[in-house]
Amino acid sequence: MPSAANSAKARWNAANYVQIKVHVYPDVADAFKAACTNAGESMASVLSRCMAEYSSVAANLKVERKAAGDTVSTKKMRSNTIRKIVHTLEQVRDAEEQAMENTPENLRGSEKYESYEERISSMDDALAILEGLY
């Protein structure tokens, strides 16, 4: 007949714990049991800690994936996003060209004028790459 202390512990365990059954290969179970024994920890405490750590990391990864996936989760969304980037970059390049064209004749060989040319060339290169993606 179980003692009162054992019955109380069984009731407390039933109210506060959930039992999870795991199927593993015998060699994995034996190695895990030996490692826990050598570390002086119960298998339940090690598994509980691992589950808590994994749950925390997995929750953070899910949030990060969801945030990243909201705007670019499908090929169509990625393609649309790149088209928007291309359009914006074209507008910036056009503004740079206009600013360069409005540079007075006497400043056409200046560093400022050359910087316009370099930026426009870089934007043209970027546009060629982006337009080739999709």
Protein backbone atom coordinates (compact mmCIF):
# COMPACT_ATOMS: atom_id res chain seq x y z
CA MET A 1 0.00 0.00 0.00
CA PRO A 2 1.44 3.40 -1.00
CA SER A 3 2.34 5.76 1.77
CA ALA A 4 0.59 9.10 2.25
CA ALA A 5 3.76 10.92 1.15
CA ASN A 6 3.91 8.93 -2.10
CA SER A 7 0.22 9.55 -2.77
CA ALA A 8 0.63 13.28 -2.15
CA LYS A 9 3.66 13.41 -4.45
CA ALA A 10 1.79 11.49 -7.17
CA ARG A 11 -1.15 13.93 -6.92
CA TRP A 12 1.19 16.94 -7.05
CA ASN A 13 3.06 15.51 -10.05
CA ALA A 14 -0.22 14.78 -11.86
CA ALA A 15 -1.40 18.35 -11.26
CA ASN A 16 1.87 20.09 -12.20
CA TYR A 17 3.64 17.98 -14.82
CA VAL A 18 2.90 16.55 -18.24
CA GLN A 19 4.48 13.29 -19.27
CA ILE A 20 5.98 13.18 -22.76
CA LYS A 21 6.87 9.88 -24.35
CA VAL A 22 9.85 9.87 -26.71
CA HIS A 23 11.02 7.04 -28.94
CA VAL A 24 14.80 6.92 -29.46
CA TYR A 25 17.32 4.29 -30.44
CA PRO A 26 18.60 2.22 -27.49
CA ASP A 27 22.19 3.42 -27.94
CA VAL A 28 21.03 7.07 -27.83
CA ALA A 29 19.00 6.42 -24.67
CA ASP A 30 21.91 4.60 -23.00
CA ALA A 31 24.39 7.36 -23.88
CA PHE A 32 21.98 10.06 -22.63
CA LYS A 33 21.31 8.22 -19.38
CA ALA A 34 25.06 7.74 -18.79
CA ALA A 35 25.79 11.42 -19.55
CA CYS A 36 23.08 12.56 -17.12
CA THR A 37 24.37 10.21 -14.43
CA ASN A 38 27.95 11.44 -14.93
CA ALA A 39 26.74 15.06 -14.71
CA GLY A 40 24.69 14.32 -11.60
CA GLU A 41 21.45 15.50 -13.23
CA SER A 42 18.18 13.76 -13.83
CA MET A 43 17.20 13.00 -17.40
CA ALA A 44 13.94 14.89 -16.82
CA SER A 45 15.72 18.09 -15.72
CA VAL A 46 18.10 18.00 -18.71
CA LEU A 47 15.26 17.38 -21.16
CA SER A 48 13.10 20.09 -19.53
CA ARG A 49 15.94 22.60 -19.83
CA CYS A 50 16.58 21.62 -23.46
CA MET A 51 12.89 21.96 -24.32
CA ALA A 52 12.67 25.37 -22.66
CA GLU A 53 15.79 26.64 -24.45
CA TYR A 54 14.66 25.25 -27.79
CA SER A 55 11.18 26.75 -27.38
CA SER A 56 12.66 30.16 -26.66
CA VAL A 57 15.01 30.06 -29.66
CA ALA A 58 12.35 28.65 -31.99
CA ALA A 59 9.87 31.35 -30.97
CA ASN A 60 12.42 34.06 -31.79
CA LEU A 61 13.26 32.46 -35.13
CA LYS A 62 9.58 32.24 -36.03
CA VAL A 63 9.11 35.94 -35.30
CA GLU A 64 12.19 36.83 -37.38
CA ARG A 65 11.07 34.61 -40.27
CA LYS A 66 7.57 36.02 -40.14
CA ALA A 67 8.85 39.60 -40.16
CA ALA A 68 11.13 38.87 -43.10
CA GLY A 69 8.52 36.80 -44.89
CA ASP A 70 5.74 39.36 -44.64
CA THR A 71 6.96 41.34 -47.65
CA VAL A 72 9.04 38.86 -49.64
CA SER A 73 7.72 35.39 -48.90
CA THR A 74 6.81 34.46 -52.47
CA LYS A 75 8.60 34.88 -55.76
CA LYS A 76 5.89 37.25 -56.94
CA MET A 77 6.30 39.43 -53.83
CA ARG A 78 10.08 39.45 -54.24
CA SER A 79 9.71 40.37 -57.89
CA ASN A 80 7.34 43.21 -57.04
CA THR A 81 9.69 44.45 -54.33
CA ILE A 82 12.62 44.50 -56.76
CA ARG A 83 10.47 46.34 -59.34
CA LYS A 84 9.72 49.01 -56.70
CA ILE A 85 13.42 49.30 -55.86
CA VAL A 86 14.26 49.61 -59.57
CA HIS A 87 11.63 52.31 -60.01
CA THR A 88 12.93 54.29 -57.02
CA LEU A 89 16.54 53.92 -58.15
CA GLU A 90 15.60 55.10 -61.64
CA GLN A 91 13.99 58.19 -60.14
CA VAL A 92 17.12 58.93 -58.10
CA ARG A 93 19.35 58.38 -61.15
CA ASP A 94 17.13 60.71 -63.23
CA ALA A 95 17.39 63.39 -60.54
CA GLU A 96 21.18 63.02 -60.52
CA GLU A 97 21.27 63.33 -64.32
CA GLN A 98 19.12 66.43 -64.17
CA ALA A 99 21.35 67.97 -61.50
CA MET A 100 24.41 67.12 -63.60
CA GLU A 101 22.85 68.67 -66.72
CA ASN A 102 22.06 71.83 -64.75
CA THR A 103 25.70 72.23 -63.80
CA PRO A 104 27.09 75.43 -65.38
CA GLU A 105 29.52 75.01 -68.30
CA ASN A 106 32.49 76.33 -66.33
CA LEU A 107 32.03 73.55 -63.67
CA ARG A 108 31.71 70.61 -66.08
CA GLY A 109 35.21 69.32 -65.30
CA SER A 110 34.98 69.85 -61.54
CA GLU A 111 35.04 67.20 -58.82
CA LYS A 112 31.34 67.80 -58.20
CA TYR A 113 30.55 67.08 -61.85
CA GLU A 114 32.71 63.94 -61.81
CA SER A 115 30.92 62.74 -58.65
CA TYR A 116 27.61 63.04 -60.54
CA GLU A 117 29.05 60.89 -63.31
CA GLU A 118 30.33 58.27 -60.84
CA ARG A 119 27.02 58.06 -58.97
CA ILE A 120 25.04 57.78 -62.20
CA SER A 121 27.37 55.06 -63.47
CA SER A 122 27.07 53.14 -60.19
CA MET A 123 23.29 53.40 -60.27
CA ASP A 124 23.25 52.19 -63.89
CA ASP A 125 25.33 49.17 -62.84
CA ALA A 126 22.99 48.47 -59.92
CA LEU A 127 19.94 48.77 -62.16
CA ALA A 128 21.41 46.31 -64.64
CA ILE A 129 21.96 43.79 -61.84
CA LEU A 130 18.50 44.30 -60.31
CA GLU A 131 16.72 44.11 -63.66
CA GLY A 132 18.48 40.81 -64.34
CA LEU A 133 17.21 39.21 -61.13
CA TYR A 134 13.59 38.63 -62.13
